[in-house]
Amino acid sequence: MSAAEFVHDGAAIDHTPVADLASGEIVVQGDLVGITRRAIKADTLGSIAVEGVFDVPKDPVAAVAFTVGQKVYVDGSNEPQTTATGNKLLGKAVLAAAAGDESVRVRLSQ
């Protein structure tokens, strides 16, 4: 059996989108969730962050609140949620976010 070979530190991974992506967009690939740090044109190699802390926009009308350390999931519309069912894990809240807040601060977890 051959030994594993180090490729890079893994804070970001390669991604080639099929449509243009703006900076700050959430990208879901199976159970891997990341966020673009820069805009990426369709069919162009770019990268998505899978580590780091991001302020993720949320709909204040949806009235979803987060406590520090609570797991943050995203639904099919990439809207932050508190429940795992049918959603993908984005990370953990590192700053409390009230129901009416427009964002939640999340440390990405994979």
N, C-alpha and C. Protein backbone atom coordinates (compact mmCIF):
# COMPACT_ATOMS: atom_id res chain seq x y z
N MET A 1 0.84 -1.17 0.00
CA MET A 1 0.00 0.00 0.00
C MET A 1 0.89 1.24 0.00
N SER A 2 0.56 2.20 -0.84
CA SER A 2 1.36 3.42 -0.92
C SER A 2 0.93 4.41 0.16
N ALA A 3 1.80 5.34 0.49
CA ALA A 3 1.54 6.35 1.51
C ALA A 3 0.76 7.51 0.91
N ALA A 4 -0.03 8.17 1.75
CA ALA A 4 -0.75 9.36 1.32
C ALA A 4 0.25 10.48 1.04
N GLU A 5 -0.08 11.35 0.09
CA GLU A 5 0.79 12.46 -0.28
C GLU A 5 0.10 13.77 0.06
N PHE A 6 0.77 14.64 0.80
CA PHE A 6 0.24 15.94 1.18
C PHE A 6 0.01 16.80 -0.07
N VAL A 7 -1.14 17.45 -0.14
CA VAL A 7 -1.47 18.31 -1.28
C VAL A 7 -1.46 19.78 -0.86
N HIS A 8 -2.24 20.16 0.16
CA HIS A 8 -2.24 21.52 0.71
C HIS A 8 -2.96 21.52 2.05
N ASP A 9 -2.98 22.66 2.74
CA ASP A 9 -3.50 22.72 4.10
C ASP A 9 -5.01 22.52 4.21
N GLY A 10 -5.76 22.69 3.15
CA GLY A 10 -7.19 22.39 3.14
C GLY A 10 -8.11 23.49 3.60
N ALA A 11 -7.63 24.71 3.78
CA ALA A 11 -8.49 25.82 4.17
C ALA A 11 -9.45 26.20 3.04
N ALA A 12 -9.06 25.88 1.81
CA ALA A 12 -9.90 26.12 0.63
C ALA A 12 -9.71 24.94 -0.30
N ILE A 13 -10.73 24.69 -1.09
CA ILE A 13 -10.65 23.59 -2.05
C ILE A 13 -10.99 24.11 -3.44
N ASP A 14 -10.48 23.44 -4.46
CA ASP A 14 -10.77 23.81 -5.84
C ASP A 14 -12.25 23.63 -6.13
N HIS A 15 -12.76 24.53 -6.97
CA HIS A 15 -14.16 24.43 -7.40
C HIS A 15 -14.30 25.09 -8.76
N THR A 16 -14.94 24.40 -9.68
CA THR A 16 -15.26 24.94 -10.99
C THR A 16 -16.77 24.96 -11.13
N PRO A 17 -17.40 26.12 -10.99
CA PRO A 17 -18.86 26.20 -11.04
C PRO A 17 -19.41 26.12 -12.47
N VAL A 18 -20.64 25.70 -12.58
CA VAL A 18 -21.30 25.65 -13.89
C VAL A 18 -21.96 26.99 -14.22
N ALA A 19 -22.15 27.84 -13.22
CA ALA A 19 -22.70 29.19 -13.41
C ALA A 19 -21.83 30.16 -12.62
N ASP A 20 -21.86 31.43 -13.00
CA ASP A 20 -21.08 32.45 -12.29
C ASP A 20 -21.47 32.46 -10.81
N LEU A 21 -20.48 32.63 -9.94
CA LEU A 21 -20.71 32.75 -8.50
C LEU A 21 -20.13 34.08 -8.03
N ALA A 22 -20.87 34.78 -7.20
CA ALA A 22 -20.39 36.02 -6.62
C ALA A 22 -19.56 35.71 -5.37
N SER A 23 -18.79 36.65 -4.94
CA SER A 23 -18.05 36.52 -3.69
C SER A 23 -19.05 36.36 -2.54
N GLY A 24 -18.77 35.43 -1.62
CA GLY A 24 -19.63 35.23 -0.47
C GLY A 24 -20.78 34.27 -0.67
N GLU A 25 -20.82 33.58 -1.81
CA GLU A 25 -21.91 32.62 -2.04
C GLU A 25 -21.60 31.28 -1.37
N ILE A 26 -22.63 30.69 -0.80
CA ILE A 26 -22.51 29.37 -0.20
C ILE A 26 -22.60 28.33 -1.30
N VAL A 27 -21.66 27.36 -1.26
CA VAL A 27 -21.61 26.29 -2.25
C VAL A 27 -21.75 24.97 -1.52
N VAL A 28 -22.74 24.17 -1.95
CA VAL A 28 -22.97 22.86 -1.34
C VAL A 28 -22.63 21.79 -2.37
N GLN A 29 -21.71 20.89 -1.98
CA GLN A 29 -21.33 19.76 -2.82
C GLN A 29 -21.48 18.50 -1.97
N GLY A 30 -22.61 17.83 -2.08
CA GLY A 30 -22.87 16.69 -1.21
C GLY A 30 -22.96 17.19 0.22
N ASP A 31 -22.12 16.65 1.12
CA ASP A 31 -22.08 17.10 2.50
C ASP A 31 -20.97 18.11 2.76
N LEU A 32 -20.29 18.55 1.72
CA LEU A 32 -19.23 19.55 1.83
C LEU A 32 -19.82 20.92 1.52
N VAL A 33 -19.71 21.83 2.48
CA VAL A 33 -20.27 23.17 2.31
C VAL A 33 -19.15 24.18 2.48
N GLY A 34 -19.06 25.12 1.56
CA GLY A 34 -18.05 26.16 1.63
C GLY A 34 -18.61 27.48 1.15
N ILE A 35 -17.76 28.50 1.18
CA ILE A 35 -18.17 29.85 0.78
C ILE A 35 -17.11 30.42 -0.15
N THR A 36 -17.56 31.04 -1.24
CA THR A 36 -16.61 31.67 -2.16
C THR A 36 -16.00 32.91 -1.50
N ARG A 37 -14.69 33.06 -1.64
CA ARG A 37 -14.02 34.25 -1.11
C ARG A 37 -13.91 35.33 -2.18
N ARG A 38 -13.99 34.91 -3.42
CA ARG A 38 -13.95 35.81 -4.57
C ARG A 38 -14.96 35.31 -5.59
N ALA A 39 -15.35 36.18 -6.50
CA ALA A 39 -16.26 35.77 -7.58
C ALA A 39 -15.54 34.73 -8.45
N ILE A 40 -16.32 33.78 -8.97
CA ILE A 40 -15.77 32.76 -9.87
C ILE A 40 -16.67 32.71 -11.11
N LYS A 41 -16.09 32.86 -12.27
CA LYS A 41 -16.83 32.75 -13.53
C LYS A 41 -17.17 31.29 -13.81
N ALA A 42 -18.26 31.06 -14.50
CA ALA A 42 -18.66 29.71 -14.89
C ALA A 42 -17.54 29.03 -15.66
N ASP A 43 -17.37 27.75 -15.41
CA ASP A 43 -16.39 26.91 -16.10
C ASP A 43 -14.94 27.39 -15.90
N THR A 44 -14.70 28.12 -14.81
CA THR A 44 -13.36 28.61 -14.49
C THR A 44 -12.97 28.08 -13.12
N LEU A 45 -11.76 27.55 -13.01
CA LEU A 45 -11.29 27.03 -11.74
C LEU A 45 -11.13 28.15 -10.73
N GLY A 46 -11.73 27.96 -9.57
CA GLY A 46 -11.60 28.89 -8.46
C GLY A 46 -11.51 28.09 -7.19
N SER A 47 -11.84 28.70 -6.06
CA SER A 47 -11.81 27.95 -4.81
C SER A 47 -12.91 28.42 -3.88
N ILE A 48 -13.27 27.52 -2.97
CA ILE A 48 -14.23 27.87 -1.92
C ILE A 48 -13.56 27.61 -0.57
N ALA A 49 -13.81 28.49 0.38
CA ALA A 49 -13.28 28.33 1.72
C ALA A 49 -14.09 27.27 2.45
N VAL A 50 -13.40 26.38 3.14
CA VAL A 50 -14.06 25.38 3.98
C VAL A 50 -13.62 25.55 5.43
N GLU A 51 -12.82 26.59 5.69
CA GLU A 51 -12.41 26.98 7.03
C GLU A 51 -12.51 28.49 7.10
N GLY A 52 -12.68 29.01 8.30
CA GLY A 52 -12.73 30.45 8.50
C GLY A 52 -14.02 30.87 9.17
N VAL A 53 -14.11 32.16 9.42
CA VAL A 53 -15.29 32.74 10.07
C VAL A 53 -15.91 33.74 9.11
N PHE A 54 -17.21 33.60 8.89
CA PHE A 54 -17.94 34.43 7.94
C PHE A 54 -19.22 34.98 8.57
N ASP A 55 -19.60 36.19 8.20
CA ASP A 55 -20.91 36.72 8.54
C ASP A 55 -21.84 36.28 7.41
N VAL A 56 -22.76 35.39 7.75
CA VAL A 56 -23.66 34.80 6.75
C VAL A 56 -25.01 35.50 6.82
N PRO A 57 -25.47 36.09 5.71
CA PRO A 57 -26.77 36.76 5.72
C PRO A 57 -27.90 35.79 6.06
N LYS A 58 -28.88 36.32 6.79
CA LYS A 58 -30.08 35.54 7.09
C LYS A 58 -31.29 36.45 6.97
N ASP A 59 -32.42 35.85 6.77
CA ASP A 59 -33.66 36.61 6.60
C ASP A 59 -34.21 36.97 7.98
N PRO A 60 -34.20 38.27 8.36
CA PRO A 60 -34.70 38.63 9.68
C PRO A 60 -36.19 38.35 9.86
N VAL A 61 -36.93 38.30 8.76
CA VAL A 61 -38.36 38.01 8.83
C VAL A 61 -38.61 36.55 9.22
N ALA A 62 -37.66 35.66 8.87
CA ALA A 62 -37.81 34.24 9.19
C ALA A 62 -37.68 34.00 10.70
N ALA A 63 -37.17 34.96 11.44
CA ALA A 63 -37.09 34.92 12.91
C ALA A 63 -36.31 33.72 13.44
N VAL A 64 -35.17 33.43 12.83
CA VAL A 64 -34.30 32.35 13.32
C VAL A 64 -33.20 32.98 14.16
N ALA A 65 -33.06 32.52 15.41
CA ALA A 65 -32.04 33.04 16.32
C ALA A 65 -30.98 31.97 16.57
N PHE A 66 -29.76 32.41 16.88
CA PHE A 66 -28.65 31.49 17.14
C PHE A 66 -27.95 31.90 18.42
N THR A 67 -27.50 30.91 19.19
CA THR A 67 -26.69 31.15 20.37
C THR A 67 -25.24 30.77 20.04
N VAL A 68 -24.30 31.29 20.80
CA VAL A 68 -22.90 30.96 20.58
C VAL A 68 -22.69 29.46 20.74
N GLY A 69 -22.01 28.85 19.79
CA GLY A 69 -21.73 27.42 19.81
C GLY A 69 -22.80 26.56 19.16
N GLN A 70 -23.93 27.14 18.80
CA GLN A 70 -25.01 26.37 18.17
C GLN A 70 -24.64 26.03 16.74
N LYS A 71 -24.98 24.81 16.32
CA LYS A 71 -24.73 24.42 14.93
C LYS A 71 -25.62 25.22 14.00
N VAL A 72 -25.03 25.62 12.88
CA VAL A 72 -25.75 26.38 11.85
C VAL A 72 -25.80 25.52 10.60
N TYR A 73 -27.01 25.31 10.11
CA TYR A 73 -27.24 24.52 8.90
C TYR A 73 -27.74 25.46 7.81
N VAL A 74 -27.64 25.03 6.56
CA VAL A 74 -28.23 25.79 5.46
C VAL A 74 -29.24 24.90 4.75
N ASP A 75 -30.34 25.52 4.33
CA ASP A 75 -31.36 24.79 3.59
C ASP A 75 -31.09 24.86 2.09
N GLY A 76 -32.02 24.41 1.28
CA GLY A 76 -31.85 24.40 -0.17
C GLY A 76 -31.69 25.78 -0.78
N SER A 77 -32.09 26.82 -0.04
CA SER A 77 -31.93 28.20 -0.51
C SER A 77 -30.71 28.86 0.12
N ASN A 78 -29.88 28.05 0.82
CA ASN A 78 -28.70 28.54 1.52
C ASN A 78 -29.03 29.53 2.63
N GLU A 79 -30.22 29.39 3.21
CA GLU A 79 -30.65 30.21 4.33
C GLU A 79 -30.25 29.52 5.63
N PRO A 80 -29.59 30.22 6.57
CA PRO A 80 -29.20 29.61 7.84
C PRO A 80 -30.39 29.08 8.63
N GLN A 81 -30.23 27.88 9.18
CA GLN A 81 -31.27 27.20 9.93
C GLN A 81 -30.69 26.61 11.21
N THR A 82 -31.56 26.23 12.14
CA THR A 82 -31.11 25.62 13.39
C THR A 82 -31.32 24.11 13.41
N THR A 83 -32.00 23.56 12.44
CA THR A 83 -32.30 22.13 12.43
C THR A 83 -31.52 21.39 11.34
N ALA A 84 -31.12 20.16 11.67
CA ALA A 84 -30.34 19.35 10.75
C ALA A 84 -31.21 18.69 9.68
N THR A 85 -32.43 18.37 10.01
CA THR A 85 -33.30 17.62 9.11
C THR A 85 -33.45 18.30 7.76
N GLY A 86 -32.99 17.63 6.71
CA GLY A 86 -33.11 18.14 5.35
C GLY A 86 -32.13 19.25 5.01
N ASN A 87 -31.22 19.59 5.93
CA ASN A 87 -30.28 20.69 5.72
C ASN A 87 -28.84 20.19 5.79
N LYS A 88 -27.90 21.05 5.43
CA LYS A 88 -26.47 20.71 5.44
C LYS A 88 -25.76 21.55 6.50
N LEU A 89 -24.81 20.94 7.22
CA LEU A 89 -24.05 21.65 8.25
C LEU A 89 -23.11 22.67 7.61
N LEU A 90 -23.22 23.91 8.06
CA LEU A 90 -22.31 24.97 7.63
C LEU A 90 -21.21 25.16 8.66
N GLY A 91 -21.56 25.19 9.94
CA GLY A 91 -20.58 25.39 10.99
C GLY A 91 -21.26 25.67 12.31
N LYS A 92 -20.58 26.47 13.15
CA LYS A 92 -21.12 26.83 14.46
C LYS A 92 -21.11 28.35 14.62
N ALA A 93 -22.18 28.85 15.24
CA ALA A 93 -22.27 30.28 15.51
C ALA A 93 -21.18 30.67 16.52
N VAL A 94 -20.48 31.75 16.25
CA VAL A 94 -19.46 32.23 17.17
C VAL A 94 -19.84 33.56 17.79
N LEU A 95 -21.02 34.04 17.44
CA LEU A 95 -21.59 35.26 17.99
C LEU A 95 -23.09 35.06 17.99
N ALA A 96 -23.75 35.39 19.09
CA ALA A 96 -25.21 35.24 19.14
C ALA A 96 -25.86 36.11 18.07
N ALA A 97 -26.94 35.60 17.49
CA ALA A 97 -27.70 36.35 16.49
C ALA A 97 -29.18 36.29 16.88
N ALA A 98 -29.78 37.44 17.11
CA ALA A 98 -31.19 37.50 17.45
C ALA A 98 -32.05 37.21 16.22
N ALA A 99 -33.30 36.90 16.47
CA ALA A 99 -34.22 36.55 15.38
C ALA A 99 -34.26 37.64 14.30
N GLY A 100 -34.21 38.90 14.69
CA GLY A 100 -34.31 40.00 13.73
C GLY A 100 -33.00 40.44 13.11
N ASP A 101 -31.89 39.83 13.51
CA ASP A 101 -30.59 40.19 12.94
C ASP A 101 -30.52 39.78 11.47
N GLU A 102 -29.71 40.50 10.71
CA GLU A 102 -29.59 40.23 9.28
C GLU A 102 -28.48 39.26 8.93
N SER A 103 -27.68 38.84 9.93
CA SER A 103 -26.62 37.87 9.67
C SER A 103 -26.31 37.09 10.94
N VAL A 104 -25.60 35.99 10.74
CA VAL A 104 -25.09 35.19 11.84
C VAL A 104 -23.61 34.94 11.55
N ARG A 105 -22.76 35.11 12.57
CA ARG A 105 -21.32 34.89 12.40
C ARG A 105 -21.04 33.41 12.63
N VAL A 106 -20.46 32.76 11.61
CA VAL A 106 -20.30 31.30 11.60
C VAL A 106 -18.84 30.92 11.37
N ARG A 107 -18.36 29.98 12.19
CA ARG A 107 -17.05 29.35 11.94
C ARG A 107 -17.35 28.08 11.15
N LEU A 108 -16.84 28.01 9.93
CA LEU A 108 -17.12 26.87 9.09
C LEU A 108 -16.57 25.59 9.71
N SER A 109 -17.33 24.50 9.58
CA SER A 109 -16.92 23.18 10.09
C SER A 109 -17.21 22.14 9.03
N GLN A 110 -16.25 21.26 8.84
CA GLN A 110 -16.47 20.17 7.89
C GLN A 110 -16.24 18.85 8.57
